[in-house]
Amino acid sequence: MSRERRKFSREFKIKVVQAYESGVSAVELSRQFEIHPNVIYAWSREYRKDPIKAFPNNSQDTTENQDQRIAELERLVGRLSLENDFLKKALSHAKNILQTPKPGSMKP
C-alpha cells in the first residue's frame, strides 16, 4: 500500500538537521518523527552544502495550488447544490402526482 508523499516545512527540516548534528542519532530521530534515516542524511548533506539556500520555501506555489483547489471545490459545491435543488423539486412534483386521485378510480 503506497502512502501519499509528505511535505515538510523548511523550519521542520532545519530542526531535524540541527538535532542530528548536535549528536542525536538519525535512527532515533527517524523513530521520533517517522522519517526514514536516509531522508535525514540527505537533509543534512543539503544543509551543510549551503544553509541559506537549503530547503527553499515553495509557499508561493503552495498558495497558488491551494487557491486553485478552493476554486475547484467551490464550483463543485455550486453544481451539487443545483443538482440537489433540482432533485428535491422533482421528488416533490412526483409525490404530488402520485397523491392526486385520478378521475374514475375508486378505492374501496
PDB file of N, CA and C in Angstrom:
ATOM      1  N   MET A   1       0.844  -1.164   0.000  1.00  0.00           N
ATOM      2  CA  MET A   1       0.000   0.000   0.000  1.00  0.00           C
ATOM      3  C   MET A   1       0.897   1.237   0.000  1.00  0.00           C
ATOM      4  N   SER A   2       0.705   2.140  -0.962  1.00  0.00           N
ATOM      5  CA  SER A   2       1.544   3.317  -1.034  1.00  0.00           C
ATOM      6  C   SER A   2       0.944   4.456  -0.221  1.00  0.00           C
ATOM      7  N   ARG A   3       1.828   5.232   0.354  1.00  0.00           N
ATOM      8  CA  ARG A   3       1.393   6.371   1.144  1.00  0.00           C
ATOM      9  C   ARG A   3       1.601   7.626   0.332  1.00  0.00           C
ATOM     10  N   GLU A   4       0.812   8.625   0.621  1.00  0.00           N
ATOM     11  CA  GLU A   4       0.973   9.893  -0.071  1.00  0.00           C
ATOM     12  C   GLU A   4       2.266  10.551   0.407  1.00  0.00           C
ATOM     13  N   ARG A   5       2.963  11.156  -0.507  1.00  0.00           N
ATOM     14  CA  ARG A   5       4.232  11.793  -0.172  1.00  0.00           C
ATOM     15  C   ARG A   5       3.989  12.972   0.765  1.00  0.00           C
ATOM     16  N   ARG A   6       4.721  12.984   1.874  1.00  0.00           N
ATOM     17  CA  ARG A   6       4.562  14.055   2.845  1.00  0.00           C
ATOM     18  C   ARG A   6       5.497  15.203   2.507  1.00  0.00           C
ATOM     19  N   LYS A   7       5.061  16.411   2.836  1.00  0.00           N
ATOM     20  CA  LYS A   7       5.882  17.590   2.614  1.00  0.00           C
ATOM     21  C   LYS A   7       6.159  18.225   3.968  1.00  0.00           C
ATOM     22  N   PHE A   8       7.412  18.602   4.157  1.00  0.00           N
ATOM     23  CA  PHE A   8       7.827  19.172   5.426  1.00  0.00           C
ATOM     24  C   PHE A   8       8.269  20.611   5.208  1.00  0.00           C
ATOM     25  N   SER A   9       7.998  21.438   6.188  1.00  0.00           N
ATOM     26  CA  SER A   9       8.395  22.839   6.098  1.00  0.00           C
ATOM     27  C   SER A   9       9.902  22.974   6.250  1.00  0.00           C
ATOM     28  N   ARG A  10      10.404  24.093   5.799  1.00  0.00           N
ATOM     29  CA  ARG A  10      11.829  24.379   5.917  1.00  0.00           C
ATOM     30  C   ARG A  10      12.248  24.378   7.386  1.00  0.00           C
ATOM     31  N   GLU A  11      11.414  24.965   8.232  1.00  0.00           N
ATOM     32  CA  GLU A  11      11.724  25.050   9.658  1.00  0.00           C
ATOM     33  C   GLU A  11      11.833  23.655  10.283  1.00  0.00           C
ATOM     34  N   PHE A  12      10.926  22.760   9.897  1.00  0.00           N
ATOM     35  CA  PHE A  12      10.952  21.400  10.427  1.00  0.00           C
ATOM     36  C   PHE A  12      12.235  20.687  10.006  1.00  0.00           C
ATOM     37  N   LYS A  13      12.604  20.822   8.740  1.00  0.00           N
ATOM     38  CA  LYS A  13      13.815  20.169   8.247  1.00  0.00           C
ATOM     39  C   LYS A  13      15.052  20.685   8.982  1.00  0.00           C
ATOM     40  N   ILE A  14      15.115  21.999   9.175  1.00  0.00           N
ATOM     41  CA  ILE A  14      16.253  22.578   9.878  1.00  0.00           C
ATOM     42  C   ILE A  14      16.301  22.076  11.318  1.00  0.00           C
ATOM     43  N   LYS A  15      15.148  21.970  11.947  1.00  0.00           N
ATOM     44  CA  LYS A  15      15.079  21.466  13.323  1.00  0.00           C
ATOM     45  C   LYS A  15      15.627  20.041  13.402  1.00  0.00           C
ATOM     46  N   VAL A  16      15.229  19.202  12.459  1.00  0.00           N
ATOM     47  CA  VAL A  16      15.690  17.812  12.452  1.00  0.00           C
ATOM     48  C   VAL A  16      17.190  17.753  12.182  1.00  0.00           C
ATOM     49  N   VAL A  17      17.660  18.531  11.224  1.00  0.00           N
ATOM     50  CA  VAL A  17      19.086  18.535  10.886  1.00  0.00           C
ATOM     51  C   VAL A  17      19.916  19.030  12.064  1.00  0.00           C
ATOM     52  N   GLN A  18      19.461  20.072  12.732  1.00  0.00           N
ATOM     53  CA  GLN A  18      20.209  20.591  13.882  1.00  0.00           C
ATOM     54  C   GLN A  18      20.255  19.563  15.013  1.00  0.00           C
ATOM     55  N   ALA A  19      19.160  18.858  15.210  1.00  0.00           N
ATOM     56  CA  ALA A  19      19.148  17.807  16.228  1.00  0.00           C
ATOM     57  C   ALA A  19      20.134  16.710  15.846  1.00  0.00           C
ATOM     58  N   TYR A  20      20.157  16.349  14.570  1.00  0.00           N
ATOM     59  CA  TYR A  20      21.077  15.305  14.091  1.00  0.00           C
ATOM     60  C   TYR A  20      22.528  15.745  14.272  1.00  0.00           C
ATOM     61  N   GLU A  21      22.811  16.987  13.916  1.00  0.00           N
ATOM     62  CA  GLU A  21      24.188  17.481  14.016  1.00  0.00           C
ATOM     63  C   GLU A  21      24.609  17.737  15.455  1.00  0.00           C
ATOM     64  N   SER A  22      23.650  17.858  16.364  1.00  0.00           N
ATOM     65  CA  SER A  22      24.011  18.053  17.769  1.00  0.00           C
ATOM     66  C   SER A  22      24.318  16.730  18.463  1.00  0.00           C
ATOM     67  N   GLY A  23      24.133  15.615  17.763  1.00  0.00           N
ATOM     68  CA  GLY A  23      24.526  14.341  18.331  1.00  0.00           C
ATOM     69  C   GLY A  23      23.416  13.314  18.458  1.00  0.00           C
ATOM     70  N   VAL A  24      22.183  13.690  18.193  1.00  0.00           N
ATOM     71  CA  VAL A  24      21.085  12.721  18.250  1.00  0.00           C
ATOM     72  C   VAL A  24      21.206  11.825  17.023  1.00  0.00           C
ATOM     73  N   SER A  25      21.064  10.537  17.202  1.00  0.00           N
ATOM     74  CA  SER A  25      21.245   9.622  16.077  1.00  0.00           C
ATOM     75  C   SER A  25      20.093   9.742  15.074  1.00  0.00           C
ATOM     76  N   ALA A  26      20.427   9.462  13.834  1.00  0.00           N
ATOM     77  CA  ALA A  26      19.418   9.523  12.775  1.00  0.00           C
ATOM     78  C   ALA A  26      18.320   8.497  13.004  1.00  0.00           C
ATOM     79  N   VAL A  27      18.680   7.361  13.556  1.00  0.00           N
ATOM     80  CA  VAL A  27      17.700   6.307  13.818  1.00  0.00           C
ATOM     81  C   VAL A  27      16.701   6.782  14.872  1.00  0.00           C
ATOM     82  N   GLU A  28      17.221   7.419  15.917  1.00  0.00           N
ATOM     83  CA  GLU A  28      16.334   7.933  16.968  1.00  0.00           C
ATOM     84  C   GLU A  28      15.407   9.013  16.411  1.00  0.00           C
ATOM     85  N   LEU A  29      15.947   9.916  15.605  1.00  0.00           N
ATOM     86  CA  LEU A  29      15.118  10.968  15.001  1.00  0.00           C
ATOM     87  C   LEU A  29      14.100  10.379  14.032  1.00  0.00           C
ATOM     88  N   SER A  30      14.512   9.356  13.319  1.00  0.00           N
ATOM     89  CA  SER A  30      13.587   8.745  12.362  1.00  0.00           C
ATOM     90  C   SER A  30      12.413   8.103  13.086  1.00  0.00           C
ATOM     91  N   ARG A  31      12.659   7.516  14.232  1.00  0.00           N
ATOM     92  CA  ARG A  31      11.558   6.945  15.021  1.00  0.00           C
ATOM     93  C   ARG A  31      10.670   8.037  15.598  1.00  0.00           C
ATOM     94  N   GLN A  32      11.316   9.080  16.077  1.00  0.00           N
ATOM     95  CA  GLN A  32      10.563  10.166  16.710  1.00  0.00           C
ATOM     96  C   GLN A  32       9.652  10.883  15.704  1.00  0.00           C
ATOM     97  N   PHE A  33      10.185  11.159  14.516  1.00  0.00           N
ATOM     98  CA  PHE A  33       9.430  11.942  13.530  1.00  0.00           C
ATOM     99  C   PHE A  33       8.845  11.095  12.410  1.00  0.00           C
ATOM    100  N   GLU A  34       9.054   9.778  12.471  1.00  0.00           N
ATOM    101  CA  GLU A  34       8.557   8.853  11.453  1.00  0.00           C
ATOM    102  C   GLU A  34       9.052   9.229  10.058  1.00  0.00           C
ATOM    103  N   ILE A  35      10.362   9.393   9.993  1.00  0.00           N
ATOM    104  CA  ILE A  35      11.050   9.725   8.744  1.00  0.00           C
ATOM    105  C   ILE A  35      12.154   8.687   8.558  1.00  0.00           C
ATOM    106  N   HIS A  36      12.372   8.270   7.344  1.00  0.00           N
ATOM    107  CA  HIS A  36      13.444   7.308   7.082  1.00  0.00           C
ATOM    108  C   HIS A  36      14.796   7.974   7.354  1.00  0.00           C
ATOM    109  N   PRO A  37      15.737   7.232   7.945  1.00  0.00           N
ATOM    110  CA  PRO A  37      17.060   7.823   8.234  1.00  0.00           C
ATOM    111  C   PRO A  37      17.751   8.385   6.999  1.00  0.00           C
ATOM    112  N   ASN A  38      17.545   7.766   5.844  1.00  0.00           N
ATOM    113  CA  ASN A  38      18.167   8.283   4.618  1.00  0.00           C
ATOM    114  C   ASN A  38      17.696   9.693   4.296  1.00  0.00           C
ATOM    115  N   VAL A  39      16.461  10.000   4.635  1.00  0.00           N
ATOM    116  CA  VAL A  39      15.952  11.359   4.410  1.00  0.00           C
ATOM    117  C   VAL A  39      16.715  12.336   5.292  1.00  0.00           C
ATOM    118  N   ILE A  40      16.953  11.948   6.532  1.00  0.00           N
ATOM    119  CA  ILE A  40      17.696  12.821   7.453  1.00  0.00           C
ATOM    120  C   ILE A  40      19.114  13.038   6.944  1.00  0.00           C
ATOM    121  N   TYR A  41      19.757  11.976   6.457  1.00  0.00           N
ATOM    122  CA  TYR A  41      21.107  12.114   5.907  1.00  0.00           C
ATOM    123  C   TYR A  41      21.110  13.074   4.708  1.00  0.00           C
ATOM    124  N   ALA A  42      20.121  12.938   3.840  1.00  0.00           N
ATOM    125  CA  ALA A  42      20.042  13.805   2.660  1.00  0.00           C
ATOM    126  C   ALA A  42      19.809  15.254   3.068  1.00  0.00           C
ATOM    127  N   TRP A  43      18.920  15.470   4.019  1.00  0.00           N
ATOM    128  CA  TRP A  43      18.675  16.834   4.501  1.00  0.00           C
ATOM    129  C   TRP A  43      19.942  17.425   5.105  1.00  0.00           C
ATOM    130  N   SER A  44      20.664  16.615   5.843  1.00  0.00           N
ATOM    131  CA  SER A  44      21.889  17.087   6.481  1.00  0.00           C
ATOM    132  C   SER A  44      22.925  17.483   5.426  1.00  0.00           C
ATOM    133  N   ARG A  45      23.096  16.648   4.394  1.00  0.00           N
ATOM    134  CA  ARG A  45      24.038  16.973   3.309  1.00  0.00           C
ATOM    135  C   ARG A  45      23.650  18.279   2.635  1.00  0.00           C
ATOM    136  N   GLU A  46      22.357  18.421   2.337  1.00  0.00           N
ATOM    137  CA  GLU A  46      21.892  19.638   1.666  1.00  0.00           C
ATOM    138  C   GLU A  46      22.122  20.865   2.540  1.00  0.00           C
ATOM    139  N   TYR A  47      21.877  20.725   3.826  1.00  0.00           N
ATOM    140  CA  TYR A  47      22.036  21.858   4.746  1.00  0.00           C
ATOM    141  C   TYR A  47      23.516  22.221   4.906  1.00  0.00           C
ATOM    142  N   ARG A  48      24.395  21.225   4.985  1.00  0.00           N
ATOM    143  CA  ARG A  48      25.827  21.502   5.106  1.00  0.00           C
ATOM    144  C   ARG A  48      26.385  22.159   3.853  1.00  0.00           C
ATOM    145  N   LYS A  49      25.824  21.807   2.695  1.00  0.00           N
ATOM    146  CA  LYS A  49      26.301  22.368   1.432  1.00  0.00           C
ATOM    147  C   LYS A  49      26.077  23.881   1.374  1.00  0.00           C
ATOM    148  N   ASP A  50      24.863  24.328   1.719  1.00  0.00           N
ATOM    149  CA  ASP A  50      24.553  25.757   1.724  1.00  0.00           C
ATOM    150  C   ASP A  50      23.346  25.999   2.630  1.00  0.00           C
ATOM    151  N   PRO A  51      23.586  26.356   3.886  1.00  0.00           N
ATOM    152  CA  PRO A  51      22.481  26.509   4.837  1.00  0.00           C
ATOM    153  C   PRO A  51      21.445  27.567   4.436  1.00  0.00           C
ATOM    154  N   ILE A  52      21.872  28.585   3.722  1.00  0.00           N
ATOM    155  CA  ILE A  52      20.936  29.663   3.366  1.00  0.00           C
ATOM    156  C   ILE A  52      20.004  29.225   2.236  1.00  0.00           C
ATOM    157  N   LYS A  53      20.550  28.523   1.257  1.00  0.00           N
ATOM    158  CA  LYS A  53      19.732  28.100   0.119  1.00  0.00           C
ATOM    159  C   LYS A  53      19.076  26.733   0.316  1.00  0.00           C
ATOM    160  N   ALA A  54      19.399  26.070   1.413  1.00  0.00           N
ATOM    161  CA  ALA A  54      18.844  24.735   1.660  1.00  0.00           C
ATOM    162  C   ALA A  54      17.348  24.816   1.910  1.00  0.00           C
ATOM    163  N   PHE A  55      16.645  23.867   1.401  1.00  0.00           N
ATOM    164  CA  PHE A  55      15.198  23.721   1.600  1.00  0.00           C
ATOM    165  C   PHE A  55      14.436  24.987   1.194  1.00  0.00           C
ATOM    166  N   PRO A  56      14.463  25.344  -0.077  1.00  0.00           N
ATOM    167  CA  PRO A  56      13.730  26.550  -0.487  1.00  0.00           C
ATOM    168  C   PRO A  56      12.251  26.413  -0.146  1.00  0.00           C
ATOM    169  N   ASN A  57      11.686  27.504   0.279  1.00  0.00           N
ATOM    170  CA  ASN A  57      10.285  27.511   0.694  1.00  0.00           C
ATOM    171  C   ASN A  57       9.417  27.759  -0.526  1.00  0.00           C
ATOM    172  N   ASN A  58       8.592  26.809  -0.865  1.00  0.00           N
ATOM    173  CA  ASN A  58       7.713  26.921  -2.032  1.00  0.00           C
ATOM    174  C   ASN A  58       6.320  27.380  -1.622  1.00  0.00           C
ATOM    175  N   SER A  59       6.261  28.318  -0.701  1.00  0.00           N
ATOM    176  CA  SER A  59       4.955  28.740  -0.194  1.00  0.00           C
ATOM    177  C   SER A  59       4.127  29.415  -1.285  1.00  0.00           C
ATOM    178  N   GLN A  60       4.767  30.100  -2.229  1.00  0.00           N
ATOM    179  CA  GLN A  60       4.019  30.748  -3.308  1.00  0.00           C
ATOM    180  C   GLN A  60       3.313  29.710  -4.171  1.00  0.00           C
ATOM    181  N   ASP A  61       4.028  28.652  -4.548  1.00  0.00           N
ATOM    182  CA  ASP A  61       3.413  27.586  -5.331  1.00  0.00           C
ATOM    183  C   ASP A  61       2.302  26.917  -4.550  1.00  0.00           C
ATOM    184  N   THR A  62       2.543  26.695  -3.280  1.00  0.00           N
ATOM    185  CA  THR A  62       1.546  26.047  -2.439  1.00  0.00           C
ATOM    186  C   THR A  62       0.293  26.906  -2.347  1.00  0.00           C
ATOM    187  N   THR A  63       0.458  28.209  -2.194  1.00  0.00           N
ATOM    188  CA  THR A  63      -0.687  29.110  -2.102  1.00  0.00           C
ATOM    189  C   THR A  63      -1.481  29.101  -3.397  1.00  0.00           C
ATOM    190  N   GLU A  64      -0.794  29.128  -4.531  1.00  0.00           N
ATOM    191  CA  GLU A  64      -1.489  29.102  -5.817  1.00  0.00           C
ATOM    192  C   GLU A  64      -2.245  27.787  -5.982  1.00  0.00           C
ATOM    193  N   ASN A  65      -1.628  26.679  -5.621  1.00  0.00           N
ATOM    194  CA  ASN A  65      -2.290  25.378  -5.713  1.00  0.00           C
ATOM    195  C   ASN A  65      -3.502  25.323  -4.793  1.00  0.00           C
ATOM    196  N   GLN A  66      -3.369  25.883  -3.596  1.00  0.00           N
ATOM    197  CA  GLN A  66      -4.500  25.896  -2.670  1.00  0.00           C
ATOM    198  C   GLN A  66      -5.642  26.746  -3.214  1.00  0.00           C
ATOM    199  N   ASP A  67      -5.300  27.901  -3.805  1.00  0.00           N
ATOM    200  CA  ASP A  67      -6.341  28.764  -4.380  1.00  0.00           C
ATOM    201  C   ASP A  67      -7.064  28.058  -5.524  1.00  0.00           C
ATOM    202  N   GLN A  68      -6.325  27.349  -6.357  1.00  0.00           N
ATOM    203  CA  GLN A  68      -6.941  26.600  -7.449  1.00  0.00           C
ATOM    204  C   GLN A  68      -7.841  25.512  -6.913  1.00  0.00           C
ATOM    205  N   ARG A  69      -7.391  24.821  -5.896  1.00  0.00           N
ATOM    206  CA  ARG A  69      -8.181  23.739  -5.297  1.00  0.00           C
ATOM    207  C   ARG A  69      -9.453  24.289  -4.661  1.00  0.00           C
ATOM    208  N   ILE A  70      -9.349  25.434  -3.985  1.00  0.00           N
ATOM    209  CA  ILE A  70     -10.524  26.053  -3.366  1.00  0.00           C
ATOM    210  C   ILE A  70     -11.534  26.443  -4.436  1.00  0.00           C
ATOM    211  N   ALA A  71     -11.062  27.043  -5.519  1.00  0.00           N
ATOM    212  CA  ALA A  71     -11.968  27.433  -6.598  1.00  0.00           C
ATOM    213  C   ALA A  71     -12.649  26.214  -7.207  1.00  0.00           C
ATOM    214  N   GLU A  72     -11.893  25.143  -7.395  1.00  0.00           N
ATOM    215  CA  GLU A  72     -12.459  23.902  -7.942  1.00  0.00           C
ATOM    216  C   GLU A  72     -13.532  23.338  -7.009  1.00  0.00           C
ATOM    217  N   LEU A  73     -13.254  23.334  -5.721  1.00  0.00           N
ATOM    218  CA  LEU A  73     -14.229  22.810  -4.757  1.00  0.00           C
ATOM    219  C   LEU A  73     -15.470  23.696  -4.660  1.00  0.00           C
ATOM    220  N   GLU A  74     -15.292  25.013  -4.772  1.00  0.00           N
ATOM    221  CA  GLU A  74     -16.451  25.911  -4.750  1.00  0.00           C
ATOM    222  C   GLU A  74     -17.339  25.663  -5.963  1.00  0.00           C
ATOM    223  N   ARG A  75     -16.740  25.437  -7.126  1.00  0.00           N
ATOM    224  CA  ARG A  75     -17.535  25.119  -8.316  1.00  0.00           C
ATOM    225  C   ARG A  75     -18.298  23.819  -8.117  1.00  0.00           C
ATOM    226  N   LEU A  76     -17.633  22.838  -7.529  1.00  0.00           N
ATOM    227  CA  LEU A  76     -18.274  21.553  -7.275  1.00  0.00           C
ATOM    228  C   LEU A  76     -19.444  21.707  -6.303  1.00  0.00           C
ATOM    229  N   VAL A  77     -19.256  22.486  -5.242  1.00  0.00           N
ATOM    230  CA  VAL A  77     -20.336  22.711  -4.278  1.00  0.00           C
ATOM    231  C   VAL A  77     -21.517  23.390  -4.970  1.00  0.00           C
ATOM    232  N   GLY A  78     -21.254  24.365  -5.815  1.00  0.00           N
ATOM    233  CA  GLY A  78     -22.329  25.044  -6.543  1.00  0.00           C
ATOM    234  C   GLY A  78     -23.090  24.091  -7.447  1.00  0.00           C
ATOM    235  N   ARG A  79     -22.372  23.270  -8.173  1.00  0.00           N
ATOM    236  CA  ARG A  79     -23.019  22.319  -9.074  1.00  0.00           C
ATOM    237  C   ARG A  79     -23.858  21.312  -8.295  1.00  0.00           C
ATOM    238  N   LEU A  80     -23.309  20.803  -7.201  1.00  0.00           N
ATOM    239  CA  LEU A  80     -24.056  19.836  -6.393  1.00  0.00           C
ATOM    240  C   LEU A  80     -25.281  20.464  -5.740  1.00  0.00           C
ATOM    241  N   SER A  81     -25.183  21.731  -5.367  1.00  0.00           N
ATOM    242  CA  SER A  81     -26.344  22.426  -4.803  1.00  0.00           C
ATOM    243  C   SER A  81     -27.457  22.533  -5.836  1.00  0.00           C
ATOM    244  N   LEU A  82     -27.086  22.873  -7.070  1.00  0.00           N
ATOM    245  CA  LEU A  82     -28.093  22.958  -8.138  1.00  0.00           C
ATOM    246  C   LEU A  82     -28.737  21.595  -8.378  1.00  0.00           C
ATOM    247  N   GLU A  83     -27.930  20.554  -8.433  1.00  0.00           N
ATOM    248  CA  GLU A  83     -28.468  19.210  -8.641  1.00  0.00           C
ATOM    249  C   GLU A  83     -29.381  18.809  -7.483  1.00  0.00           C
ATOM    250  N   ASN A  84     -28.990  19.136  -6.274  1.00  0.00           N
ATOM    251  CA  ASN A  84     -29.784  18.804  -5.099  1.00  0.00           C
ATOM    252  C   ASN A  84     -31.135  19.523  -5.138  1.00  0.00           C
ATOM    253  N   ASP A  85     -31.126  20.814  -5.470  1.00  0.00           N
ATOM    254  CA  ASP A  85     -32.381  21.570  -5.571  1.00  0.00           C
ATOM    255  C   ASP A  85     -33.291  20.981  -6.649  1.00  0.00           C
ATOM    256  N   PHE A  86     -32.702  20.642  -7.802  1.00  0.00           N
ATOM    257  CA  PHE A  86     -33.485  20.061  -8.884  1.00  0.00           C
ATOM    258  C   PHE A  86     -34.140  18.756  -8.448  1.00  0.00           C
ATOM    259  N   LEU A  87     -33.360  17.898  -7.791  1.00  0.00           N
ATOM    260  CA  LEU A  87     -33.894  16.609  -7.363  1.00  0.00           C
ATOM    261  C   LEU A  87     -34.960  16.756  -6.287  1.00  0.00           C
ATOM    262  N   LYS A  88     -34.821  17.718  -5.401  1.00  0.00           N
ATOM    263  CA  LYS A  88     -35.841  17.964  -4.386  1.00  0.00           C
ATOM    264  C   LYS A  88     -37.155  18.387  -5.048  1.00  0.00           C
ATOM    265  N   LYS A  89     -37.068  19.274  -6.021  1.00  0.00           N
ATOM    266  CA  LYS A  89     -38.271  19.725  -6.727  1.00  0.00           C
ATOM    267  C   LYS A  89     -38.902  18.579  -7.510  1.00  0.00           C
ATOM    268  N   ALA A  90     -38.074  17.761  -8.151  1.00  0.00           N
ATOM    269  CA  ALA A  90     -38.595  16.631  -8.911  1.00  0.00           C
ATOM    270  C   ALA A  90     -39.278  15.628  -7.989  1.00  0.00           C
ATOM    271  N   LEU A  91     -38.719  15.380  -6.837  1.00  0.00           N
ATOM    272  CA  LEU A  91     -39.320  14.462  -5.873  1.00  0.00           C
ATOM    273  C   LEU A  91     -40.651  15.013  -5.359  1.00  0.00           C
ATOM    274  N   SER A  92     -40.681  16.292  -5.065  1.00  0.00           N
ATOM    275  CA  SER A  92     -41.918  16.920  -4.606  1.00  0.00           C
ATOM    276  C   SER A  92     -42.998  16.826  -5.680  1.00  0.00           C
ATOM    277  N   HIS A  93     -42.614  17.085  -6.909  1.00  0.00           N
ATOM    278  CA  HIS A  93     -43.557  17.012  -8.028  1.00  0.00           C
ATOM    279  C   HIS A  93     -44.070  15.584  -8.204  1.00  0.00           C
ATOM    280  N   ALA A  94     -43.180  14.604  -8.095  1.00  0.00           N
ATOM    281  CA  ALA A  94     -43.578  13.204  -8.242  1.00  0.00           C
ATOM    282  C   ALA A  94     -44.528  12.784  -7.118  1.00  0.00           C
ATOM    283  N   LYS A  95     -44.278  13.248  -5.897  1.00  0.00           N
ATOM    284  CA  LYS A  95     -45.165  12.932  -4.779  1.00  0.00           C
ATOM    285  C   LYS A  95     -46.556  13.509  -5.023  1.00  0.00           C
ATOM    286  N   ASN A  96     -46.617  14.736  -5.531  1.00  0.00           N
ATOM    287  CA  ASN A  96     -47.905  15.368  -5.808  1.00  0.00           C
ATOM    288  C   ASN A  96     -48.685  14.589  -6.863  1.00  0.00           C
ATOM    289  N   ILE A  97     -47.992  14.143  -7.878  1.00  0.00           N
ATOM    290  CA  ILE A  97     -48.655  13.384  -8.936  1.00  0.00           C
ATOM    291  C   ILE A  97     -49.184  12.060  -8.396  1.00  0.00           C
ATOM    292  N   LEU A  98     -48.399  11.389  -7.574  1.00  0.00           N
ATOM    293  CA  LEU A  98     -48.809  10.093  -7.039  1.00  0.00           C
ATOM    294  C   LEU A  98     -49.925  10.225  -6.001  1.00  0.00           C
ATOM    295  N   GLN A  99     -50.012  11.333  -5.310  1.00  0.00           N
ATOM    296  CA  GLN A  99     -51.024  11.510  -4.269  1.00  0.00           C
ATOM    297  C   GLN A  99     -52.336  12.051  -4.807  1.00  0.00           C
ATOM    298  N   THR A 100     -52.311  12.645  -5.957  1.00  0.00           N
ATOM    299  CA  THR A 100     -53.528  13.199  -6.536  1.00  0.00           C
ATOM    300  C   THR A 100     -54.417  12.061  -7.019  1.00  0.00           C
ATOM    301  N   PRO A 101     -55.712  12.016  -6.550  1.00  0.00           N
ATOM    302  CA  PRO A 101     -56.600  10.952  -7.022  1.00  0.00           C
ATOM    303  C   PRO A 101     -56.893  11.130  -8.497  1.00  0.00           C
ATOM    304  N   LYS A 102     -56.923  10.022  -9.193  1.00  0.00           N
ATOM    305  CA  LYS A 102     -57.213  10.049 -10.632  1.00  0.00           C
ATOM    306  C   LYS A 102     -58.710   9.932 -10.842  1.00  0.00           C
ATOM    307  N   PRO A 103     -59.213  10.667 -11.797  1.00  0.00           N
ATOM    308  CA  PRO A 103     -60.654  10.569 -12.064  1.00  0.00           C
ATOM    309  C   PRO A 103     -61.017   9.164 -12.557  1.00  0.00           C
ATOM    310  N   GLY A 104     -62.093   8.645 -12.047  1.00  0.00           N
ATOM    311  CA  GLY A 104     -62.589   7.340 -12.452  1.00  0.00           C
ATOM    312  C   GLY A 104     -62.032   6.206 -11.626  1.00  0.00           C
ATOM    313  N   SER A 105     -61.055   6.473 -10.789  1.00  0.00           N
ATOM    314  CA  SER A 105     -60.536   5.382  -9.965  1.00  0.00           C
ATOM    315  C   SER A 105     -61.177   5.476  -8.603  1.00  0.00           C
ATOM    316  N   MET A 106     -61.654   4.364  -8.138  1.00  0.00           N
ATOM    317  CA  MET A 106     -62.294   4.337  -6.833  1.00  0.00           C
ATOM    318  C   MET A 106     -61.542   3.374  -5.945  1.00  0.00           C
ATOM    319  N   LYS A 107     -61.326   3.813  -4.780  1.00  0.00           N
ATOM    320  CA  LYS A 107     -60.653   2.945  -3.819  1.00  0.00           C
ATOM    321  C   LYS A 107     -61.676   2.468  -2.814  1.00  0.00           C
ATOM    322  N   PRO A 108     -61.650   1.212  -2.494  1.00  0.00           N
ATOM    323  CA  PRO A 108     -62.630   0.700  -1.534  1.00  0.00           C
ATOM    324  C   PRO A 108     -62.400   1.126  -0.125  1.00  0.00           C
TER     325      PRO A 108
END
